Amino acid sequence: MTTTPSPRALLPADDPGTIQLVLAADRNLVRQAGITALSARLRSSLPIHVTFLTPQRDVALPAWLSVLAALRSEGLSCDLLAVDVQLLDLQVAEHLTLTTYYRLLTPSLLAPGTSRAIYLDCDVLVGRDLAALWTTSLDGQPIGAVPDHNFTSWDRIGLSPSDGYFNAGVLLLDIPQIRRDRMFEEALQFSQEHPERLTWSDQCALNATLARRWRALGSEWNFQYADLLAEVRSKGLHAAVAKARSSVMHFNNYDRPWLPESAHPLRDTYFAVAQRHSALDLAVTQSVAARWIRLKRRVKWRLMSAGMA
């Protein structure tokens, strides 16, 4: 397995006053990646430079050119980096592709002078100012992340609940420390050598190799599906949606807002960003079957809000 990118494939060194944002997407999530980046730009009080990592075979897609042009028209500094790295024999969970492992390549792709970066998944919508996250102290830890309280495969991964488990959809990275101790390289090696211990691909590999070496962040920086459910059931749908809108929302379940059958209560919030540019508009077409599924899911959300589901 080749893990060393070409020296020319380096992201720019950071400016302390500019947030360095990294996302990875293949051809299936080009527009979603653009929507995530634009949502961050619309909320940020600091300039943002975003680099999209994409497989070599996808870098010339017209969709990428259109998305980059749309983002630049909004004043967002952005680049597209073709990753020519072979990732073989790695476990991929459910909807994920091998592009998810690009997260583990990020420290090796960043320029030597980079001190930190924020990594975001492409199923994230930013509803708060990332400047506050960017300036957060990591208290000596290599990464900052939000706990994933929905994780239960402790025996499989070889951790205990007391170790904790984080969701890797939003990561604040101390690049020099990660490089010095080769932490992400270790996680990549773990992924290759122990696929049977991974439930959620590289996320599990990071948790296994960084056990107790991460700083827990507040849920507002990665407001996951389980958090939304808990808020709906305890405070009702309206209050839950209001909290989610002021968070970094993570659509880490089957009801992703861009899917035709989605009835996610944040769907309109998501499309409000998507529809700012035709290059980002996903133009979802619903079949009769999708409409029926969406109706049933809407009913389910209402029942949960009423404490009946």
Protein backbone atom coordinates (compact mmCIF):
# COMPACT_ATOMS: atom_id res chain seq x y z
CA MET A 1 0.00 0.00 0.00
CA THR A 2 1.42 3.37 -1.03
CA THR A 3 0.92 6.02 1.65
CA THR A 4 3.35 8.79 0.69
CA PRO A 5 1.88 11.50 -1.54
CA SER A 6 3.97 13.31 -4.11
CA PRO A 7 5.87 16.30 -2.60
CA ARG A 8 4.02 18.65 -4.97
CA ALA A 9 0.70 17.59 -3.44
CA LEU A 10 0.95 19.84 -0.40
CA LEU A 11 -1.75 22.02 1.07
CA PRO A 12 -0.64 25.59 1.89
CA ALA A 13 0.86 26.42 5.26
CA ASP A 14 -1.59 28.12 7.54
CA ASP A 15 -1.90 31.72 8.52
CA PRO A 16 -2.96 32.00 12.19
CA GLY A 17 -5.75 34.30 11.10
CA THR A 18 -7.08 31.89 8.46
CA ILE A 19 -8.94 28.70 9.27
CA GLN A 20 -7.48 25.73 7.42
CA LEU A 21 -10.40 23.48 6.52
CA VAL A 22 -10.03 20.05 4.90
CA LEU A 23 -12.76 17.89 3.36
CA ALA A 24 -12.55 14.70 1.32
CA ALA A 25 -15.06 13.70 -1.36
CA ASP A 26 -15.24 11.44 -4.36
CA ARG A 27 -17.60 11.97 -7.32
CA ASN A 28 -20.62 10.93 -5.25
CA LEU A 29 -20.35 13.84 -2.80
CA VAL A 30 -18.92 16.78 -4.77
CA ARG A 31 -21.91 19.10 -4.24
CA GLN A 32 -22.38 17.99 -0.64
CA ALA A 33 -18.75 18.90 0.06
CA GLY A 34 -19.35 22.32 -1.47
CA ILE A 35 -22.45 22.84 0.67
CA THR A 36 -20.51 21.97 3.82
CA ALA A 37 -17.73 24.40 2.92
CA LEU A 38 -20.14 27.20 2.03
CA SER A 39 -22.06 26.76 5.28
CA ALA A 40 -18.77 27.23 7.15
CA ARG A 41 -17.99 30.36 5.13
CA LEU A 42 -21.40 31.91 5.79
CA ARG A 43 -20.95 31.63 9.57
CA SER A 44 -17.26 32.38 9.97
CA SER A 45 -15.81 35.58 11.40
CA LEU A 46 -12.37 34.56 10.13
CA PRO A 47 -11.19 33.89 6.57
CA ILE A 48 -11.26 30.23 5.57
CA HIS A 49 -9.04 28.32 3.20
CA VAL A 50 -10.57 24.98 2.28
CA THR A 51 -8.87 22.16 0.45
CA PHE A 52 -10.93 19.37 -1.01
CA LEU A 53 -9.22 16.00 -1.29
CA THR A 54 -10.49 13.87 -4.14
CA PRO A 55 -9.29 10.74 -5.97
CA GLN A 56 -7.06 11.33 -9.00
CA ARG A 57 -9.75 9.90 -11.29
CA ASP A 58 -12.30 12.52 -10.10
CA VAL A 59 -10.24 15.71 -10.15
CA ALA A 60 -11.26 16.70 -13.69
CA LEU A 61 -15.00 16.30 -13.17
CA PRO A 62 -16.98 19.36 -14.38
CA ALA A 63 -18.91 19.29 -11.12
CA TRP A 64 -15.74 20.16 -9.19
CA LEU A 65 -15.01 23.14 -11.46
CA SER A 66 -18.55 24.45 -10.99
CA VAL A 67 -18.49 23.98 -7.22
CA LEU A 68 -15.12 25.71 -6.83
CA ALA A 69 -16.30 28.65 -8.94
CA ALA A 70 -19.44 29.01 -6.84
CA LEU A 71 -17.47 28.97 -3.59
CA ARG A 72 -14.94 31.50 -4.84
CA SER A 73 -17.78 33.79 -5.83
CA GLU A 74 -18.75 33.76 -2.14
CA GLY A 75 -15.25 34.88 -1.14
CA LEU A 76 -14.07 31.45 -0.08
CA SER A 77 -10.45 30.56 -0.78
CA CYS A 78 -10.36 26.95 -1.97
CA ASP A 79 -8.25 24.38 -3.77
CA LEU A 80 -8.80 20.89 -5.14
CA LEU A 81 -6.09 18.33 -4.46
CA ALA A 82 -5.92 15.10 -6.43
CA VAL A 83 -4.83 12.31 -4.10
CA ASP A 84 -2.83 9.72 -6.00
CA VAL A 85 -2.50 7.20 -3.20
CA GLN A 86 -3.39 3.53 -3.38
CA LEU A 87 -5.48 2.40 -0.41
CA LEU A 88 -6.01 -1.33 -0.61
CA ASP A 89 -7.45 -4.07 1.60
CA LEU A 90 -9.21 -1.65 3.93
CA GLN A 91 -12.58 -2.15 5.63
CA VAL A 92 -15.36 0.11 4.40
CA ALA A 93 -18.53 0.48 6.47
CA GLU A 94 -21.99 0.74 4.92
CA HIS A 95 -22.27 3.95 2.82
CA LEU A 96 -18.57 4.83 3.10
CA THR A 97 -15.96 4.56 0.34
CA LEU A 98 -12.17 4.39 0.53
CA THR A 99 -12.14 8.19 0.32
CA THR A 100 -13.00 8.23 4.03
CA TYR A 101 -9.42 7.12 4.69
CA TYR A 102 -8.12 10.37 3.18
CA ARG A 103 -8.77 11.78 6.65
CA LEU A 104 -5.75 9.74 7.80
CA LEU A 105 -3.58 11.21 5.02
CA THR A 106 -4.30 14.84 5.92
CA PRO A 107 -1.24 15.43 8.15
CA SER A 108 1.08 14.13 5.43
CA LEU A 109 -0.55 16.36 2.81
CA LEU A 110 -0.30 19.60 4.77
CA ALA A 111 2.64 21.94 4.24
CA PRO A 112 5.49 21.79 6.81
CA GLY A 113 4.56 25.07 8.53
CA THR A 114 0.98 24.10 9.29
CA SER A 115 0.14 24.13 12.99
CA ARG A 116 -3.49 22.98 12.97
CA ALA A 117 -6.43 22.16 10.74
CA ILE A 118 -10.11 21.36 11.00
CA TYR A 119 -11.35 18.27 9.19
CA LEU A 120 -15.05 18.05 8.31
CA ASP A 121 -17.08 15.22 6.84
CA CYS A 122 -19.20 16.06 3.80
CA ASP A 123 -22.45 15.21 5.58
CA VAL A 124 -21.97 18.17 7.92
CA LEU A 125 -23.70 21.55 7.85
CA VAL A 126 -22.02 24.33 9.82
CA GLY A 127 -24.43 26.45 11.84
CA ARG A 128 -21.95 28.28 14.09
CA ASP A 129 -18.70 30.22 13.79
CA LEU A 130 -15.76 27.84 13.36
CA ALA A 131 -13.44 30.57 14.63
CA ALA A 132 -14.34 29.55 18.19
CA LEU A 133 -13.34 25.96 17.42
CA TRP A 134 -10.20 27.07 15.58
CA THR A 135 -8.92 28.91 18.67
CA THR A 136 -9.86 26.18 21.17
CA SER A 137 -7.01 24.84 23.30
CA LEU A 138 -6.40 21.11 22.96
CA ASP A 139 -4.74 20.96 26.39
CA GLY A 140 -1.76 19.10 24.99
CA GLN A 141 -3.78 16.48 23.14
CA PRO A 142 -3.27 15.80 19.41
CA ILE A 143 -6.92 16.11 18.42
CA GLY A 144 -10.18 17.55 19.62
CA ALA A 145 -13.37 15.63 18.87
CA VAL A 146 -16.92 15.15 20.09
CA PRO A 147 -17.85 11.90 21.88
CA ASP A 148 -20.08 9.46 20.04
CA HIS A 149 -22.34 8.15 22.80
CA ASN A 150 -24.09 5.81 20.40
CA PHE A 151 -21.08 3.51 20.02
CA THR A 152 -21.47 0.04 21.56
CA SER A 153 -18.90 -2.26 19.87
CA TRP A 154 -16.42 -2.07 22.73
CA ASP A 155 -15.30 -5.70 22.68
CA ARG A 156 -14.74 -5.66 18.93
CA ILE A 157 -12.53 -2.57 18.95
CA GLY A 158 -10.73 -3.55 22.15
CA LEU A 159 -11.68 -0.51 24.21
CA SER A 160 -13.81 0.01 27.28
CA PRO A 161 -16.55 2.62 27.81
CA SER A 162 -14.20 4.39 30.23
CA ASP A 163 -11.80 5.01 27.32
CA GLY A 164 -14.52 6.85 25.45
CA TYR A 165 -15.14 6.93 21.71
CA PHE A 166 -15.23 9.98 19.47
CA ASN A 167 -16.99 10.71 16.20
CA ALA A 168 -14.48 11.70 13.51
CA GLY A 169 -16.88 13.83 11.47
CA VAL A 170 -15.41 17.01 12.98
CA LEU A 171 -11.77 17.01 14.10
CA LEU A 172 -9.50 19.77 15.34
CA LEU A 173 -5.96 18.60 14.56
CA ASP A 174 -2.63 19.51 16.16
CA ILE A 175 -0.57 18.76 13.06
CA PRO A 176 2.99 18.91 14.52
CA GLN A 177 2.13 16.50 17.34
CA ILE A 178 0.31 14.09 15.02
CA ARG A 179 3.27 14.10 12.65
CA ARG A 180 5.88 13.76 15.36
CA ASP A 181 4.30 10.65 16.82
CA ARG A 182 3.11 9.32 13.43
CA MET A 183 -0.37 8.88 14.92
CA PHE A 184 -2.40 8.87 11.73
CA GLU A 185 0.10 6.58 10.03
CA GLU A 186 -0.36 4.24 12.97
CA ALA A 187 -4.13 4.41 12.50
CA LEU A 188 -3.77 3.61 8.80
CA GLN A 189 -1.58 0.63 9.63
CA PHE A 190 -4.11 -0.50 12.24
CA SER A 191 -6.84 -0.30 9.60
CA GLN A 192 -4.89 -2.56 7.28
CA GLU A 193 -3.82 -5.08 9.89
CA HIS A 194 -7.04 -5.32 11.93
CA PRO A 195 -10.07 -4.86 9.65
CA GLU A 196 -12.05 -7.28 11.82
CA ARG A 197 -11.90 -4.77 14.71
CA LEU A 198 -13.41 -1.89 12.73
CA THR A 199 -17.11 -1.09 12.83
CA TRP A 200 -16.83 2.39 11.32
CA SER A 201 -13.70 2.18 9.18
CA ASP A 202 -11.03 4.83 9.86
CA GLN A 203 -13.05 6.32 12.72
CA CYS A 204 -12.57 3.12 14.70
CA ALA A 205 -8.91 2.96 13.74
CA LEU A 206 -8.39 6.49 15.10
CA ASN A 207 -10.17 5.63 18.33
CA ALA A 208 -8.14 2.45 18.79
CA THR A 209 -4.81 4.19 18.26
CA LEU A 210 -5.65 7.43 20.08
CA ALA A 211 -7.38 5.96 23.10
CA ARG A 212 -7.41 8.56 25.91
CA ARG A 213 -5.28 10.88 23.76
CA TRP A 214 -7.99 13.26 22.61
CA ARG A 215 -9.79 16.24 24.05
CA ALA A 216 -13.56 15.97 24.26
CA LEU A 217 -15.38 18.91 22.68
CA GLY A 218 -18.95 20.03 23.29
CA SER A 219 -21.73 18.44 21.24
CA GLU A 220 -22.39 21.78 19.52
CA TRP A 221 -19.31 21.09 17.36
CA ASN A 222 -20.65 17.79 16.07
CA PHE A 223 -24.37 17.59 16.74
CA GLN A 224 -25.10 14.03 15.73
CA TYR A 225 -28.30 12.19 14.94
CA ALA A 226 -28.41 10.66 18.43
CA ASP A 227 -28.14 14.16 19.95
CA LEU A 228 -31.01 15.40 17.80
CA LEU A 229 -33.19 12.45 18.81
CA ALA A 230 -32.48 13.07 22.49
CA GLU A 231 -33.40 16.75 22.13
CA VAL A 232 -36.61 15.94 20.24
CA ARG A 233 -37.74 13.48 22.88
CA SER A 234 -36.86 15.71 25.84
CA LYS A 235 -37.71 19.21 24.55
CA GLY A 236 -39.82 18.74 21.44
CA LEU A 237 -39.12 19.12 17.75
CA HIS A 238 -39.10 22.93 17.60
CA ALA A 239 -36.53 23.32 20.38
CA ALA A 240 -34.40 20.50 18.99
CA VAL A 241 -34.29 22.04 15.52
CA ALA A 242 -33.36 25.43 16.98
CA LYS A 243 -30.43 23.89 18.86
CA ALA A 244 -29.30 21.92 15.82
CA ARG A 245 -29.37 25.02 13.61
CA SER A 246 -26.92 26.75 15.96
CA SER A 247 -24.56 23.76 15.96
CA VAL A 248 -22.35 21.94 13.50
CA MET A 249 -25.01 19.50 12.34
CA HIS A 250 -23.91 15.99 11.38
CA PHE A 251 -26.31 13.92 9.31
CA ASN A 252 -24.76 10.62 10.34
CA ASN A 253 -27.73 8.37 9.79
CA TYR A 254 -29.83 7.07 6.90
CA ASP A 255 -32.03 10.21 6.68
CA ARG A 256 -29.57 12.46 4.88
CA PRO A 257 -31.33 15.65 3.70
CA TRP A 258 -30.30 15.37 0.05
CA LEU A 259 -31.91 11.94 -0.40
CA PRO A 260 -35.33 11.89 -2.16
CA GLU A 261 -37.01 10.09 0.74
CA SER A 262 -35.58 12.39 3.42
CA ALA A 263 -37.92 13.92 5.98
CA HIS A 264 -35.13 15.26 8.16
CA PRO A 265 -36.33 18.28 10.18
CA LEU A 266 -33.19 20.18 9.07
CA ARG A 267 -33.77 19.45 5.39
CA ASP A 268 -34.98 22.98 4.61
CA THR A 269 -32.01 24.44 6.46
CA TYR A 270 -29.67 22.32 4.36
CA PHE A 271 -31.29 23.28 1.07
CA ALA A 272 -31.28 26.97 2.00
CA VAL A 273 -27.49 26.76 1.61
CA ALA A 274 -27.57 24.42 -1.40
CA GLN A 275 -29.89 26.67 -3.37
CA ARG A 276 -27.64 29.73 -3.15
CA HIS A 277 -25.89 28.45 -6.30
CA SER A 278 -27.08 26.25 -9.12
CA ALA A 279 -23.75 24.40 -8.95
CA LEU A 280 -24.64 23.27 -5.43
CA ASP A 281 -28.35 22.64 -5.87
CA LEU A 282 -28.94 18.91 -5.67
CA ALA A 283 -32.33 19.13 -7.44
CA VAL A 284 -33.85 16.12 -5.71
CA THR A 285 -36.59 14.36 -7.69
CA GLN A 286 -39.01 12.27 -5.67
CA SER A 287 -40.60 9.06 -6.92
CA VAL A 288 -43.94 7.89 -5.57
CA ALA A 289 -42.12 5.39 -3.37
CA ALA A 290 -39.79 8.08 -2.03
CA ARG A 291 -42.74 10.35 -1.23
CA TRP A 292 -44.41 7.56 0.73
CA ILE A 293 -41.25 6.87 2.73
CA ARG A 294 -40.84 10.58 3.39
CA LEU A 295 -44.42 10.85 4.67
CA LYS A 296 -43.90 7.96 7.08
CA ARG A 297 -40.70 9.52 8.37
CA ARG A 298 -42.40 12.87 8.92
CA VAL A 299 -45.03 11.11 11.02
CA LYS A 300 -42.26 9.37 12.99
CA TRP A 301 -40.58 12.69 13.81
CA ARG A 302 -43.89 14.12 15.04
CA LEU A 303 -44.57 11.06 17.17
CA MET A 304 -41.12 11.29 18.73
CA SER A 305 -41.71 14.94 19.53
CA ALA A 306 -44.96 14.00 21.24
CA GLY A 307 -43.26 11.22 23.21
CA MET A 308 -45.11 8.52 21.35
CA ALA A 309 -42.18 6.89 19.55
